[in-house]
C-alpha atoms as a PDB file:
ATOM      1  CA  UNK A   1      42.055 163.015 115.831  1.00  0.00           C
ATOM      2  CA  UNK A   2      42.692 160.590 118.719  1.00  0.00           C
ATOM      3  CA  UNK A   3      46.188 159.193 119.246  1.00  0.00           C
ATOM      4  CA  UNK A   4      46.280 155.401 118.915  1.00  0.00           C
ATOM      5  CA  UNK A   5      47.114 153.507 122.100  1.00  0.00           C
ATOM      6  CA  UNK A   6      50.094 151.196 121.774  1.00  0.00           C
ATOM      7  CA  UNK A   7      50.291 148.333 124.233  1.00  0.00           C
ATOM      8  CA  UNK A   8      53.851 147.296 124.961  1.00  0.00           C
ATOM      9  CA  UNK A   9      54.509 143.609 125.393  1.00  0.00           C
ATOM     10  CA  UNK A  10      57.236 142.575 127.787  1.00  0.00           C
ATOM     11  CA  UNK A  11      60.309 140.825 126.383  1.00  0.00           C
ATOM     12  CA  UNK A  12      60.654 137.099 127.036  1.00  0.00           C
ATOM     13  CA  UNK A  13      62.254 135.751 130.198  1.00  0.00           C
ATOM     14  CA  UNK A  14      64.355 132.637 130.778  1.00  0.00           C
ATOM     15  CA  UNK A  15      63.725 130.833 134.084  1.00  0.00           C
ATOM     16  CA  UNK A  16      65.719 127.624 133.485  1.00  0.00           C
ATOM     17  CA  UNK A  17      67.736 125.652 130.946  1.00  0.00           C
ATOM     18  CA  UNK A  18      67.938 121.861 131.048  1.00  0.00           C
ATOM     19  CA  UNK A  19      70.366 120.236 130.833  1.00  0.00           C
ATOM     20  CA  UNK A  20      72.661 123.012 132.108  1.00  0.00           C
ATOM     21  CA  UNK A  21      75.719 121.675 130.252  1.00  0.00           C
ATOM     22  CA  UNK A  22      76.772 119.908 127.060  1.00  0.00           C
ATOM     23  CA  UNK A  23      79.794 119.131 124.869  1.00  0.00           C
ATOM     24  CA  UNK A  24      81.710 121.757 122.897  1.00  0.00           C
ATOM     25  CA  UNK A  25      80.699 119.993 119.680  1.00  0.00           C
ATOM     26  CA  UNK A  26      77.114 121.134 120.188  1.00  0.00           C
ATOM     27  CA  UNK A  27      74.068 119.041 119.345  1.00  0.00           C
ATOM     28  CA  UNK A  28      72.579 118.988 122.844  1.00  0.00           C
ATOM     29  CA  UNK A  29      68.804 119.404 122.888  1.00  0.00           C
ATOM     30  CA  UNK A  30      68.179 122.057 125.555  1.00  0.00           C
ATOM     31  CA  UNK A  31      64.758 122.723 127.067  1.00  0.00           C
ATOM     32  CA  UNK A  32      64.274 126.380 127.970  1.00  0.00           C
ATOM     33  CA  UNK A  33      61.458 127.409 130.306  1.00  0.00           C
ATOM     34  CA  UNK A  34      60.323 130.970 130.889  1.00  0.00           C
ATOM     35  CA  UNK A  35      57.679 133.385 129.628  1.00  0.00           C
ATOM     36  CA  UNK A  36      56.744 135.267 126.492  1.00  0.00           C
ATOM     37  CA  UNK A  37      57.946 132.747 123.897  1.00  0.00           C
ATOM     38  CA  UNK A  38      56.401 133.171 120.444  1.00  0.00           C
ATOM     39  CA  UNK A  39      56.391 130.856 117.412  1.00  0.00           C
ATOM     40  CA  UNK A  40      59.144 132.986 115.825  1.00  0.00           C
ATOM     41  CA  UNK A  41      61.428 132.955 118.898  1.00  0.00           C
ATOM     42  CA  UNK A  42      65.171 132.745 118.248  1.00  0.00           C
ATOM     43  CA  UNK A  43      67.637 131.349 120.780  1.00  0.00           C
ATOM     44  CA  UNK A  44      71.319 132.192 121.200  1.00  0.00           C
ATOM     45  CA  UNK A  45      74.010 130.489 123.258  1.00  0.00           C
ATOM     46  CA  UNK A  46      76.275 133.426 123.957  1.00  0.00           C
ATOM     47  CA  UNK A  47      76.615 134.989 120.494  1.00  0.00           C
ATOM     48  CA  UNK A  48      75.965 131.753 118.555  1.00  0.00           C
ATOM     49  CA  UNK A  49      72.460 131.172 117.211  1.00  0.00           C
ATOM     50  CA  UNK A  50      70.784 127.846 117.880  1.00  0.00           C
ATOM     51  CA  UNK A  51      70.446 126.016 114.538  1.00  0.00           C
ATOM     52  CA  UNK A  52      67.031 124.675 115.504  1.00  0.00           C
ATOM     53  CA  UNK A  53      64.296 126.018 117.802  1.00  0.00           C
ATOM     54  CA  UNK A  54      60.942 124.386 118.506  1.00  0.00           C
ATOM     55  CA  UNK A  55      58.442 126.421 120.520  1.00  0.00           C
ATOM     56  CA  UNK A  56      56.068 124.114 122.407  1.00  0.00           C
ATOM     57  CA  UNK A  57      54.178 126.872 124.239  1.00  0.00           C
ATOM     58  CA  UNK A  58      54.584 130.460 125.468  1.00  0.00           C
ATOM     59  CA  UNK A  59      56.564 129.024 128.418  1.00  0.00           C
ATOM     60  CA  UNK A  60      58.561 126.093 126.938  1.00  0.00           C
ATOM     61  CA  UNK A  61      60.840 125.726 123.937  1.00  0.00           C
ATOM     62  CA  UNK A  62      63.614 123.376 122.828  1.00  0.00           C
ATOM     63  CA  UNK A  63      66.811 124.592 121.172  1.00  0.00           C
ATOM     64  CA  UNK A  64      69.732 122.697 119.688  1.00  0.00           C
ATOM     65  CA  UNK A  65      73.004 123.923 121.180  1.00  0.00           C
ATOM     66  CA  UNK A  66      75.492 125.062 118.515  1.00  0.00           C
ATOM     67  CA  UNK A  67      79.225 124.219 118.772  1.00  0.00           C
ATOM     68  CA  UNK A  68      81.222 126.577 121.031  1.00  0.00           C
ATOM     69  CA  UNK A  69      84.447 126.775 122.998  1.00  0.00           C
ATOM     70  CA  UNK A  70      84.451 125.420 126.575  1.00  0.00           C
ATOM     71  CA  UNK A  71      82.930 127.628 129.252  1.00  0.00           C
ATOM     72  CA  UNK A  72      79.657 129.127 130.446  1.00  0.00           C
ATOM     73  CA  UNK A  73      77.410 131.188 128.171  1.00  0.00           C
ATOM     74  CA  UNK A  74      74.129 133.018 128.604  1.00  0.00           C
ATOM     75  CA  UNK A  75      71.125 131.512 126.805  1.00  0.00           C
ATOM     76  CA  UNK A  76      68.879 134.265 125.456  1.00  0.00           C
ATOM     77  CA  UNK A  77      65.500 134.185 123.741  1.00  0.00           C
ATOM     78  CA  UNK A  78      64.559 136.896 121.241  1.00  0.00           C
ATOM     79  CA  UNK A  79      61.015 137.611 120.066  1.00  0.00           C
ATOM     80  CA  UNK A  80      59.433 140.645 118.390  1.00  0.00           C
ATOM     81  CA  UNK A  81      59.024 142.057 121.936  1.00  0.00           C
ATOM     82  CA  UNK A  82      62.761 142.006 122.667  1.00  0.00           C
ATOM     83  CA  UNK A  83      65.513 139.808 124.096  1.00  0.00           C
ATOM     84  CA  UNK A  84      65.518 138.135 127.489  1.00  0.00           C
ATOM     85  CA  UNK A  85      67.720 139.760 130.135  1.00  0.00           C
ATOM     86  CA  UNK A  86      70.654 137.756 131.496  1.00  0.00           C
ATOM     87  CA  UNK A  87      70.141 136.087 134.868  1.00  0.00           C
ATOM     88  CA  UNK A  88      71.650 133.273 136.955  1.00  0.00           C
ATOM     89  CA  UNK A  89      69.133 130.712 135.636  1.00  0.00           C
ATOM     90  CA  UNK A  90      70.017 131.092 131.931  1.00  0.00           C
ATOM     91  CA  UNK A  91      73.576 129.708 132.003  1.00  0.00           C
ATOM     92  CA  UNK A  92      74.694 126.784 129.818  1.00  0.00           C
ATOM     93  CA  UNK A  93      78.212 125.385 130.223  1.00  0.00           C
ATOM     94  CA  UNK A  94      80.112 123.857 127.335  1.00  0.00           C
ATOM     95  CA  UNK A  95      82.434 121.053 128.421  1.00  0.00           C
ATOM     96  CA  UNK A  96      85.307 119.345 126.628  1.00  0.00           C
ATOM     97  CA  UNK A  97      84.547 115.618 126.256  1.00  0.00           C
ATOM     98  CA  UNK A  98      86.822 113.236 128.169  1.00  0.00           C
ATOM     99  CA  UNK A  99      89.639 112.001 125.948  1.00  0.00           C
ATOM    100  CA  UNK A 100      89.560 115.089 123.716  1.00  0.00           C
ATOM    101  CA  UNK A 101      92.589 117.389 123.682  1.00  0.00           C
ATOM    102  CA  UNK A 102      92.314 119.435 126.853  1.00  0.00           C
ATOM    103  CA  UNK A 103      89.546 117.174 128.126  1.00  0.00           C
ATOM    104  CA  UNK A 104      89.268 115.995 131.680  1.00  0.00           C
ATOM    105  CA  UNK A 105      87.798 112.775 133.102  1.00  0.00           C
ATOM    106  CA  UNK A 106      84.046 113.024 133.171  1.00  0.00           C
ATOM    107  CA  UNK A 107      84.008 115.834 130.628  1.00  0.00           C
ATOM    108  CA  UNK A 108      84.215 118.620 133.205  1.00  0.00           C
ATOM    109  CA  UNK A 109      85.675 121.894 131.956  1.00  0.00           C
END
């Protein structure tokens, strides 16, 4: 009896996130470009799941950034084929809004 051939599909990749920063309160709509996105793709900002993900195509999706503490996080995309590997292009930086406790002028962290 022949052994079935299983074709492995590569995990998704993240090539860019735009905008690259947003407030700690979350709510920023972030466009992620890359490869291998599927309709069931999930997005995480660090360890926090995006509350909303809309996949426009296999190379573009939009995710709503969840609330997080200030600082840079890796944006990952997970599909049935796996999770995107971290790289320099997948960083999103949470900033404290100006006027908030610990905030700086211009909202820079």
